[in-house]
Amino acid sequence: MTTSTTGTLRTEQWRERVAQQAASGKSVAAFCQEQGIATQTFYWWRNRLAKREAQAVTSVAAAAPFFDLGAMPAATQGDGSLSIRLELPGGITLTIARS
C-alpha cells in the first residue's frame, strides 16, 4: 500500500470516527475515552476534516460555470412584482425581490 493510499484510508477512518461521535450524542471526552483516542488527536482530525470540506466547497463554487438563464419577463405576476431565490452552497440563500 502506498503512502497516498494509506493517507486516504486514514482520512476516511477519521471521517467515520468524527461522524460516529456526532451521532452518538456523547461528549468528545466520553467518546474518546470509550474509543481509547486522545481528545487532542480527535479535535485535530475534526478540524482538519472541516477545513478540507470548506476548501472543497470553495473550489467547487469557484469552478462552477456561469449559466445564462436569458431575459426575465417584464412582470412575472399580475401586480408587477418579481422574486428570485438562489440557494447557494454552504446553506446560503440569496433572495432578490421587486415590488
N, C-alpha and C. Protein backbone atom coordinates (compact mmCIF):
# COMPACT_ATOMS: atom_id res chain seq x y z
N MET A 1 0.84 -1.17 0.00
CA MET A 1 0.00 0.00 0.00
C MET A 1 0.89 1.24 0.00
N THR A 2 0.59 2.22 -0.85
CA THR A 2 1.40 3.43 -0.94
C THR A 2 1.04 4.41 0.16
N THR A 3 1.90 5.39 0.36
CA THR A 3 1.65 6.40 1.38
C THR A 3 0.35 7.14 1.09
N SER A 4 0.11 7.46 -0.17
CA SER A 4 -1.10 8.17 -0.55
C SER A 4 -2.35 7.35 -0.22
N THR A 5 -2.32 6.07 -0.52
CA THR A 5 -3.44 5.19 -0.21
C THR A 5 -3.62 5.06 1.29
N THR A 6 -2.53 4.95 2.02
CA THR A 6 -2.59 4.86 3.47
C THR A 6 -3.17 6.13 4.05
N GLY A 7 -2.75 7.28 3.53
CA GLY A 7 -3.27 8.57 3.99
C GLY A 7 -4.75 8.71 3.73
N THR A 8 -5.21 8.26 2.56
CA THR A 8 -6.63 8.32 2.22
C THR A 8 -7.42 7.41 3.13
N LEU A 9 -6.91 6.21 3.39
CA LEU A 9 -7.58 5.27 4.28
C LEU A 9 -7.68 5.86 5.67
N ARG A 10 -6.60 6.43 6.16
CA ARG A 10 -6.60 7.03 7.49
C ARG A 10 -7.59 8.19 7.56
N THR A 11 -7.64 9.02 6.53
CA THR A 11 -8.58 10.14 6.50
C THR A 11 -10.01 9.62 6.55
N GLU A 12 -10.31 8.58 5.79
CA GLU A 12 -11.66 8.02 5.80
C GLU A 12 -12.01 7.44 7.17
N GLN A 13 -11.03 6.80 7.82
CA GLN A 13 -11.28 6.25 9.16
C GLN A 13 -11.60 7.37 10.14
N TRP A 14 -10.90 8.49 10.06
CA TRP A 14 -11.17 9.61 10.96
C TRP A 14 -12.49 10.29 10.63
N ARG A 15 -12.80 10.37 9.34
CA ARG A 15 -14.09 10.95 8.95
C ARG A 15 -15.23 10.12 9.57
N GLU A 16 -15.06 8.81 9.54
CA GLU A 16 -16.05 7.90 10.12
C GLU A 16 -16.12 8.07 11.64
N ARG A 17 -14.98 8.19 12.30
CA ARG A 17 -14.96 8.38 13.76
C ARG A 17 -15.64 9.68 14.16
N VAL A 18 -15.37 10.74 13.43
CA VAL A 18 -15.99 12.04 13.73
C VAL A 18 -17.50 11.94 13.57
N ALA A 19 -17.95 11.27 12.53
CA ALA A 19 -19.39 11.08 12.31
C ALA A 19 -20.00 10.23 13.41
N GLN A 20 -19.28 9.19 13.83
CA GLN A 20 -19.78 8.33 14.92
C GLN A 20 -19.94 9.12 16.21
N GLN A 21 -18.98 9.97 16.51
CA GLN A 21 -19.07 10.76 17.74
C GLN A 21 -20.26 11.70 17.67
N ALA A 22 -20.45 12.35 16.54
CA ALA A 22 -21.57 13.28 16.39
C ALA A 22 -22.91 12.55 16.54
N ALA A 23 -23.00 11.35 15.97
CA ALA A 23 -24.24 10.58 16.03
C ALA A 23 -24.47 9.96 17.41
N SER A 24 -23.41 9.79 18.17
CA SER A 24 -23.53 9.11 19.46
C SER A 24 -24.23 9.96 20.52
N GLY A 25 -24.16 11.26 20.38
CA GLY A 25 -24.74 12.13 21.39
C GLY A 25 -23.84 12.28 22.61
N LYS A 26 -22.69 11.63 22.59
CA LYS A 26 -21.75 11.70 23.71
C LYS A 26 -20.83 12.90 23.53
N SER A 27 -20.28 13.36 24.64
CA SER A 27 -19.28 14.42 24.55
C SER A 27 -18.03 13.85 23.88
N VAL A 28 -17.20 14.75 23.37
CA VAL A 28 -15.96 14.31 22.74
C VAL A 28 -15.10 13.56 23.76
N ALA A 29 -15.03 14.07 24.99
CA ALA A 29 -14.22 13.42 26.02
C ALA A 29 -14.71 12.01 26.30
N ALA A 30 -16.03 11.83 26.45
CA ALA A 30 -16.58 10.50 26.73
C ALA A 30 -16.36 9.55 25.55
N PHE A 31 -16.59 10.03 24.35
CA PHE A 31 -16.40 9.21 23.16
C PHE A 31 -14.94 8.77 23.03
N CYS A 32 -14.02 9.73 23.20
CA CYS A 32 -12.60 9.42 23.06
C CYS A 32 -12.13 8.44 24.13
N GLN A 33 -12.62 8.60 25.34
CA GLN A 33 -12.24 7.68 26.41
C GLN A 33 -12.72 6.28 26.08
N GLU A 34 -13.95 6.18 25.60
CA GLU A 34 -14.53 4.88 25.23
C GLU A 34 -13.76 4.22 24.09
N GLN A 35 -13.30 5.03 23.14
CA GLN A 35 -12.60 4.51 21.96
C GLN A 35 -11.08 4.40 22.15
N GLY A 36 -10.57 4.94 23.27
CA GLY A 36 -9.13 4.90 23.50
C GLY A 36 -8.37 5.87 22.62
N ILE A 37 -8.97 7.03 22.37
CA ILE A 37 -8.38 8.04 21.50
C ILE A 37 -8.06 9.27 22.35
N ALA A 38 -6.93 9.89 22.10
CA ALA A 38 -6.59 11.14 22.78
C ALA A 38 -7.52 12.25 22.27
N THR A 39 -8.08 13.02 23.18
CA THR A 39 -9.02 14.08 22.77
C THR A 39 -8.35 15.10 21.86
N GLN A 40 -7.08 15.41 22.10
CA GLN A 40 -6.37 16.36 21.25
C GLN A 40 -6.28 15.84 19.81
N THR A 41 -6.04 14.55 19.67
CA THR A 41 -5.96 13.94 18.34
C THR A 41 -7.32 14.02 17.65
N PHE A 42 -8.38 13.74 18.39
CA PHE A 42 -9.72 13.80 17.83
C PHE A 42 -10.01 15.22 17.34
N TYR A 43 -9.76 16.22 18.19
CA TYR A 43 -10.02 17.62 17.79
C TYR A 43 -9.18 18.02 16.58
N TRP A 44 -7.91 17.58 16.53
CA TRP A 44 -7.05 17.90 15.41
C TRP A 44 -7.64 17.36 14.11
N TRP A 45 -8.05 16.09 14.12
CA TRP A 45 -8.63 15.49 12.92
C TRP A 45 -9.96 16.13 12.56
N ARG A 46 -10.80 16.43 13.53
CA ARG A 46 -12.09 17.05 13.24
C ARG A 46 -11.89 18.41 12.57
N ASN A 47 -10.94 19.19 13.09
CA ASN A 47 -10.64 20.50 12.48
C ASN A 47 -10.05 20.33 11.08
N ARG A 48 -9.16 19.37 10.92
CA ARG A 48 -8.54 19.13 9.61
C ARG A 48 -9.61 18.74 8.57
N LEU A 49 -10.52 17.85 8.95
CA LEU A 49 -11.57 17.42 8.03
C LEU A 49 -12.52 18.57 7.70
N ALA A 50 -12.83 19.41 8.68
CA ALA A 50 -13.70 20.56 8.44
C ALA A 50 -13.05 21.54 7.46
N LYS A 51 -11.74 21.77 7.61
CA LYS A 51 -11.03 22.66 6.69
C LYS A 51 -11.03 22.09 5.27
N ARG A 52 -10.81 20.78 5.16
CA ARG A 52 -10.82 20.15 3.83
C ARG A 52 -12.20 20.29 3.17
N GLU A 53 -13.24 20.09 3.96
CA GLU A 53 -14.59 20.21 3.42
C GLU A 53 -14.87 21.63 2.97
N ALA A 54 -14.45 22.60 3.76
CA ALA A 54 -14.64 24.01 3.40
C ALA A 54 -13.88 24.35 2.12
N GLN A 55 -12.67 23.83 1.98
CA GLN A 55 -11.88 24.06 0.76
C GLN A 55 -12.55 23.42 -0.44
N ALA A 56 -13.12 22.24 -0.27
CA ALA A 56 -13.78 21.55 -1.37
C ALA A 56 -15.00 22.34 -1.84
N VAL A 57 -15.78 22.86 -0.89
CA VAL A 57 -16.96 23.65 -1.24
C VAL A 57 -16.54 24.91 -1.96
N THR A 58 -15.48 25.56 -1.49
CA THR A 58 -14.98 26.79 -2.11
C THR A 58 -14.49 26.52 -3.52
N SER A 59 -13.75 25.43 -3.72
CA SER A 59 -13.22 25.14 -5.05
C SER A 59 -14.33 24.76 -6.02
N VAL A 60 -15.36 24.07 -5.54
CA VAL A 60 -16.50 23.74 -6.40
C VAL A 60 -17.23 25.00 -6.79
N ALA A 61 -17.43 25.90 -5.83
CA ALA A 61 -18.12 27.16 -6.12
C ALA A 61 -17.31 28.00 -7.10
N ALA A 62 -15.99 28.02 -6.96
CA ALA A 62 -15.14 28.80 -7.84
C ALA A 62 -15.12 28.21 -9.25
N ALA A 63 -15.26 26.90 -9.36
CA ALA A 63 -15.21 26.24 -10.66
C ALA A 63 -16.58 26.15 -11.33
N ALA A 64 -17.63 26.59 -10.63
CA ALA A 64 -18.97 26.49 -11.19
C ALA A 64 -19.08 27.38 -12.43
N PRO A 65 -19.64 26.85 -13.50
CA PRO A 65 -19.77 27.65 -14.71
C PRO A 65 -20.88 28.68 -14.57
N PHE A 66 -20.85 29.66 -15.44
CA PHE A 66 -21.89 30.68 -15.48
C PHE A 66 -23.03 30.16 -16.36
N PHE A 67 -24.24 30.28 -15.88
CA PHE A 67 -25.40 29.86 -16.65
C PHE A 67 -26.23 31.08 -17.01
N ASP A 68 -26.40 31.32 -18.28
CA ASP A 68 -27.24 32.42 -18.74
C ASP A 68 -28.67 31.90 -18.83
N LEU A 69 -29.53 32.43 -18.01
CA LEU A 69 -30.92 31.99 -17.98
C LEU A 69 -31.79 32.77 -18.94
N GLY A 70 -31.19 33.71 -19.66
CA GLY A 70 -31.96 34.50 -20.60
C GLY A 70 -32.62 35.69 -19.93
N ALA A 71 -33.38 36.42 -20.71
CA ALA A 71 -34.05 37.62 -20.19
C ALA A 71 -35.27 37.23 -19.36
N MET A 72 -35.49 37.97 -18.30
CA MET A 72 -36.67 37.76 -17.47
C MET A 72 -37.82 38.55 -18.08
N PRO A 73 -39.03 38.03 -17.99
CA PRO A 73 -40.17 38.79 -18.47
C PRO A 73 -40.34 40.08 -17.65
N ALA A 74 -40.98 41.07 -18.22
CA ALA A 74 -41.15 42.36 -17.55
C ALA A 74 -41.86 42.20 -16.21
N ALA A 75 -42.85 41.35 -16.15
CA ALA A 75 -43.57 41.11 -14.89
C ALA A 75 -43.98 39.65 -14.86
N THR A 76 -43.66 38.98 -13.77
CA THR A 76 -44.00 37.57 -13.68
C THR A 76 -45.31 37.34 -12.96
N GLN A 77 -45.79 38.37 -12.28
CA GLN A 77 -47.07 38.26 -11.59
C GLN A 77 -47.94 39.43 -12.03
N GLY A 78 -49.23 39.30 -11.86
CA GLY A 78 -50.17 40.33 -12.29
C GLY A 78 -49.91 41.70 -11.69
N ASP A 79 -49.32 41.74 -10.50
CA ASP A 79 -49.08 43.03 -9.84
C ASP A 79 -47.73 43.63 -10.19
N GLY A 80 -46.96 43.00 -11.06
CA GLY A 80 -45.67 43.53 -11.48
C GLY A 80 -44.52 43.21 -10.55
N SER A 81 -44.76 42.42 -9.51
CA SER A 81 -43.67 42.09 -8.58
C SER A 81 -42.85 40.92 -9.14
N LEU A 82 -41.64 40.81 -8.64
CA LEU A 82 -40.72 39.78 -9.10
C LEU A 82 -39.94 39.28 -7.88
N SER A 83 -39.74 37.98 -7.78
CA SER A 83 -38.98 37.42 -6.67
C SER A 83 -38.07 36.31 -7.21
N ILE A 84 -36.77 36.42 -6.89
CA ILE A 84 -35.79 35.42 -7.30
C ILE A 84 -35.12 34.90 -6.04
N ARG A 85 -35.02 33.58 -5.93
CA ARG A 85 -34.38 32.97 -4.76
C ARG A 85 -33.30 32.01 -5.25
N LEU A 86 -32.07 32.22 -4.78
CA LEU A 86 -30.94 31.37 -5.13
C LEU A 86 -30.47 30.65 -3.87
N GLU A 87 -30.37 29.33 -3.94
CA GLU A 87 -29.84 28.55 -2.83
C GLU A 87 -28.41 28.16 -3.19
N LEU A 88 -27.45 28.70 -2.44
CA LEU A 88 -26.04 28.55 -2.72
C LEU A 88 -25.41 27.52 -1.79
N PRO A 89 -24.22 27.03 -2.13
CA PRO A 89 -23.52 26.10 -1.25
C PRO A 89 -23.27 26.70 0.12
N GLY A 90 -23.19 25.86 1.12
CA GLY A 90 -22.91 26.33 2.47
C GLY A 90 -24.15 26.84 3.19
N GLY A 91 -25.34 26.54 2.66
CA GLY A 91 -26.56 26.96 3.32
C GLY A 91 -26.91 28.42 3.13
N ILE A 92 -26.30 29.07 2.15
CA ILE A 92 -26.57 30.49 1.90
C ILE A 92 -27.72 30.62 0.92
N THR A 93 -28.67 31.48 1.25
CA THR A 93 -29.81 31.74 0.38
C THR A 93 -29.82 33.22 0.04
N LEU A 94 -29.90 33.54 -1.25
CA LEU A 94 -29.95 34.92 -1.72
C LEU A 94 -31.33 35.15 -2.32
N THR A 95 -32.05 36.14 -1.81
CA THR A 95 -33.37 36.45 -2.31
C THR A 95 -33.38 37.88 -2.83
N ILE A 96 -33.87 38.04 -4.06
CA ILE A 96 -34.00 39.35 -4.67
C ILE A 96 -35.47 39.54 -4.98
N ALA A 97 -36.02 40.64 -4.47
CA ALA A 97 -37.45 40.87 -4.66
C ALA A 97 -37.68 42.29 -5.18
N ARG A 98 -38.64 42.39 -6.10
CA ARG A 98 -39.06 43.69 -6.60
C ARG A 98 -40.56 43.78 -6.44
N SER A 99 -41.02 44.85 -5.85
CA SER A 99 -42.48 45.02 -5.62
C SER A 99 -43.07 45.93 -6.65
